[in-house]
Protein backbone atom coordinates (compact mmCIF):
# COMPACT_ATOMS: atom_id res chain seq x y z
CA MET A 1 18.35 -103.55 -115.35
CA LEU A 2 17.44 -105.27 -118.63
CA PRO A 3 16.80 -102.34 -121.00
CA LEU A 4 16.73 -104.30 -124.29
CA THR A 5 14.48 -107.01 -122.89
CA VAL A 6 12.08 -104.47 -121.41
CA SER A 7 11.97 -102.44 -124.63
CA GLU A 8 11.22 -105.59 -126.67
CA LEU A 9 8.36 -106.48 -124.34
CA ALA A 10 7.07 -102.89 -124.33
CA ALA A 11 7.00 -102.92 -128.13
CA GLY A 12 4.83 -106.05 -128.02
CA HIS A 13 7.50 -108.37 -129.35
CA ARG A 14 7.99 -111.92 -128.17
CA VAL A 15 10.90 -112.55 -125.77
CA GLN A 16 12.26 -116.04 -125.10
CA ALA A 17 14.58 -117.38 -122.44
CA ALA A 18 17.52 -119.71 -123.08
CA THR A 19 19.67 -121.56 -120.59
CA LEU A 20 23.44 -121.28 -121.05
CA PHE A 21 25.92 -123.77 -119.60
CA GLU A 22 29.60 -122.91 -119.10
CA PHE A 23 32.22 -125.52 -118.14
CA GLN A 24 35.78 -124.32 -117.49
CA PHE A 25 37.77 -127.46 -118.26
CA ALA A 26 41.55 -127.39 -117.77
CA SER A 27 42.09 -127.57 -121.54
CA GLY A 28 39.63 -124.75 -122.27
CA THR A 29 36.15 -123.46 -121.61
CA GLN A 30 33.21 -125.18 -123.32
CA ARG A 31 29.90 -123.32 -123.67
CA PHE A 32 26.52 -124.82 -124.54
CA TRP A 33 22.92 -123.65 -124.71
CA ASP A 34 19.61 -125.50 -124.72
CA GLY A 35 18.73 -124.60 -128.32
CA HIS A 36 19.92 -125.57 -131.79
CA GLY A 37 22.89 -124.15 -133.70
CA TYR A 38 25.21 -121.48 -132.38
CA LEU A 39 24.24 -118.49 -130.24
CA ALA A 40 26.29 -115.33 -129.71
CA ALA A 41 25.70 -114.00 -126.20
CA GLY A 42 27.78 -112.29 -123.54
CA GLY A 43 30.77 -111.93 -125.86
CA HIS A 44 31.00 -115.71 -126.41
CA GLU A 45 29.69 -118.31 -128.81
CA TRP A 46 27.50 -121.03 -127.31
CA GLN A 47 27.00 -124.38 -129.03
CA GLY A 48 23.45 -125.72 -129.07
CA PHE A 49 22.71 -129.21 -127.84
CA GLY A 50 18.96 -129.18 -128.41
CA GLU A 51 17.27 -132.34 -127.12
CA MET A 52 20.61 -134.15 -126.70
CA GLY A 53 21.26 -132.64 -123.26
CA SER A 54 19.62 -132.80 -119.87
CA VAL A 55 20.16 -131.34 -116.41
CA SER A 56 18.96 -132.66 -113.07
CA GLY A 57 19.35 -131.39 -109.52
CA LEU A 58 19.66 -127.74 -110.49
CA GLU A 59 18.08 -126.32 -107.37
CA GLN A 60 18.78 -123.95 -104.56
CA SER A 61 20.29 -125.50 -101.44
CA ARG A 62 18.10 -125.70 -98.37
CA GLY A 63 19.31 -125.88 -94.80
CA LEU A 64 22.75 -127.42 -94.57
CA GLY A 65 22.41 -129.49 -97.76
CA ALA A 66 24.37 -128.86 -100.91
CA PRO A 67 22.52 -130.66 -103.72
CA GLN A 68 24.47 -132.33 -106.48
CA THR A 69 23.71 -131.33 -110.06
CA THR A 70 24.10 -133.70 -113.01
CA PHE A 71 24.63 -132.61 -116.61
CA LYS A 72 24.23 -135.22 -119.36
CA LEU A 73 25.07 -134.74 -123.02
CA SER A 74 24.46 -137.36 -125.73
CA GLY A 75 26.01 -137.56 -129.17
CA VAL A 76 29.24 -135.89 -128.11
CA ASP A 77 32.20 -135.25 -130.38
CA SER A 78 35.78 -136.51 -130.07
CA ASN A 79 36.90 -133.31 -128.31
CA LEU A 80 34.51 -133.86 -125.40
CA LEU A 81 35.37 -137.58 -125.29
CA SER A 82 39.07 -136.72 -124.91
CA ILE A 83 38.14 -134.45 -121.99
CA ALA A 84 36.15 -137.33 -120.50
CA VAL A 85 39.09 -139.74 -120.79
CA ASN A 86 41.31 -137.31 -118.85
CA SER A 87 38.51 -136.32 -116.49
CA ALA A 88 40.51 -136.24 -113.25
CA ALA A 89 42.85 -133.56 -114.58
CA GLU A 90 40.25 -131.81 -116.73
CA VAL A 91 37.26 -131.62 -114.41
CA THR A 92 37.75 -132.09 -110.67
CA GLY A 93 37.43 -128.84 -108.73
CA ARG A 94 37.04 -126.65 -111.84
CA PRO A 95 34.26 -124.03 -112.04
CA CYS A 96 31.03 -124.32 -113.99
CA ALA A 97 28.00 -122.05 -114.24
CA VAL A 98 24.47 -121.83 -115.58
CA HIS A 99 23.13 -118.56 -117.02
CA LEU A 100 19.77 -117.27 -118.18
CA GLN A 101 19.75 -115.40 -121.48
CA PHE A 102 16.78 -113.49 -122.90
CA LEU A 103 16.41 -113.70 -126.68
CA SER A 104 14.43 -111.74 -129.23
CA SER A 105 12.04 -113.49 -131.61
CA ALA A 106 14.94 -113.65 -134.11
CA TYR A 107 17.08 -115.51 -131.51
CA THR A 108 19.47 -112.63 -130.94
CA ALA A 109 20.72 -112.06 -127.41
CA LEU A 110 19.14 -109.26 -125.44
CA ASP A 111 21.28 -107.73 -122.68
CA THR A 112 23.91 -109.83 -120.89
CA PRO A 113 23.46 -113.34 -119.49
CA ILE A 114 22.30 -113.57 -115.87
CA ALA A 115 24.12 -116.12 -113.69
CA ILE A 116 21.55 -118.33 -111.94
CA TRP A 117 23.79 -121.13 -110.62
CA ALA A 118 27.51 -121.63 -110.01
CA GLY A 119 29.44 -124.62 -108.78
CA THR A 120 32.49 -126.83 -109.15
CA MET A 121 32.73 -129.89 -111.34
CA ASP A 122 33.25 -133.14 -109.49
CA THR A 123 33.28 -136.32 -111.58
CA LEU A 124 32.78 -137.11 -115.24
CA SER A 125 31.79 -140.48 -116.66
CA PHE A 126 31.27 -141.43 -120.28
CA VAL A 127 29.91 -144.11 -122.59
CA ALA A 128 31.69 -144.40 -125.93
CA GLY A 129 29.90 -147.11 -127.88
CA VAL A 130 29.15 -147.47 -131.57
CA LYS A 131 25.59 -146.18 -131.26
CA ASP A 132 25.77 -144.15 -128.07
CA GLN A 133 28.38 -141.60 -127.06
CA SER A 134 27.42 -139.65 -123.96
CA ILE A 135 29.04 -137.97 -121.00
CA THR A 136 27.61 -137.39 -117.53
CA LEU A 137 29.11 -134.68 -115.37
CA SER A 138 28.31 -134.20 -111.69
CA ALA A 139 28.85 -130.83 -110.04
CA GLU A 140 28.32 -129.38 -106.60
CA THR A 141 27.22 -125.91 -105.59
CA LEU A 142 29.66 -123.41 -104.16
CA PHE A 143 28.13 -124.07 -100.73
CA VAL A 144 29.59 -127.57 -100.51
CA ASP A 145 32.68 -126.23 -98.70
CA ARG A 146 30.80 -124.05 -96.23
CA VAL A 147 31.08 -126.63 -93.42
CA ARG A 148 34.88 -126.78 -93.74
CA ALA A 149 36.77 -125.21 -90.87
CA PRO A 150 38.02 -121.77 -91.99
CA TRP A 151 41.39 -122.24 -90.29
CA GLY A 152 41.82 -125.87 -91.34
CA LEU A 153 45.03 -125.02 -93.15
CA TYR A 154 46.80 -124.38 -89.86
CA THR A 155 46.54 -127.85 -88.31
CA ASP A 156 49.17 -130.57 -88.16
CA THR A 157 46.91 -133.03 -89.97
CA ASP A 158 46.32 -130.66 -92.89
CA GLN A 159 50.01 -129.74 -93.04
CA ARG A 160 51.06 -133.41 -93.24
CA ALA A 161 48.43 -134.17 -95.86
CA ARG A 162 49.76 -131.38 -98.07
CA TRP A 163 53.47 -131.92 -97.39
CA PRO A 164 54.25 -135.42 -96.05
CA GLY A 165 57.12 -135.43 -93.58
CA ASP A 166 56.75 -131.74 -92.69
CA ARG A 167 56.69 -131.31 -88.90
CA GLY A 168 56.16 -127.55 -88.85
CA PHE A 169 52.81 -127.66 -87.04
CA GLU A 170 53.47 -130.73 -84.88
CA PHE A 171 54.03 -128.73 -81.69
CA MET A 172 51.51 -125.93 -82.32
CA ALA A 173 48.96 -127.35 -79.86
CA SER A 174 51.54 -127.44 -77.07
CA LEU A 175 52.49 -123.80 -77.69
CA LEU A 176 49.02 -122.43 -76.95
CA TYR A 177 48.94 -120.31 -73.76
CA LYS A 178 52.61 -121.02 -73.16
CA THR A 179 54.82 -118.33 -71.65
CA VAL A 180 58.26 -118.10 -73.19
CA ASN A 181 61.02 -116.32 -71.25
CA TRP A 182 63.64 -114.93 -73.57
CA LEU A 183 67.24 -114.64 -72.43
CA ARG A 184 68.33 -111.15 -71.63
CA GLY A 185 71.88 -110.30 -72.37
């Protein structure tokens, strides 16, 4: 399953784990890791945020709950601030993921990243002061929609919400169990 990681451990070498964060914004995908500098892993380059980032609520859902996860990054650049300003178009409903990456003692990636969490971005807030520039992104797990009715698209209320003035499903409820006699010519 992880041949390079296992061979490193079998040879007595030190293996480390890094956490990778992937955010698929509308303007482009941003990738970060919890170390310093840049890391090449999984065919991508990940930018390190070191101690300037934090994550809370990254847990497995229990029962019917879908916990909210919060990502916070301090000392952000102008590119991330422009994403934050246009957050409704850039963030809402877009995918994000967290991966686990094993590294050799020389900080080179071993094997491919392992996805440990996936969700959709919800809201993004930011502080852009002289001394402090930070963004806070909330995300929800993929299980947040599991209580939605699977056939919700086929109701009059959903149809009107998507296309105001459309009356295509208005009489659907009255057509259930109705016998229609067609004219015979």
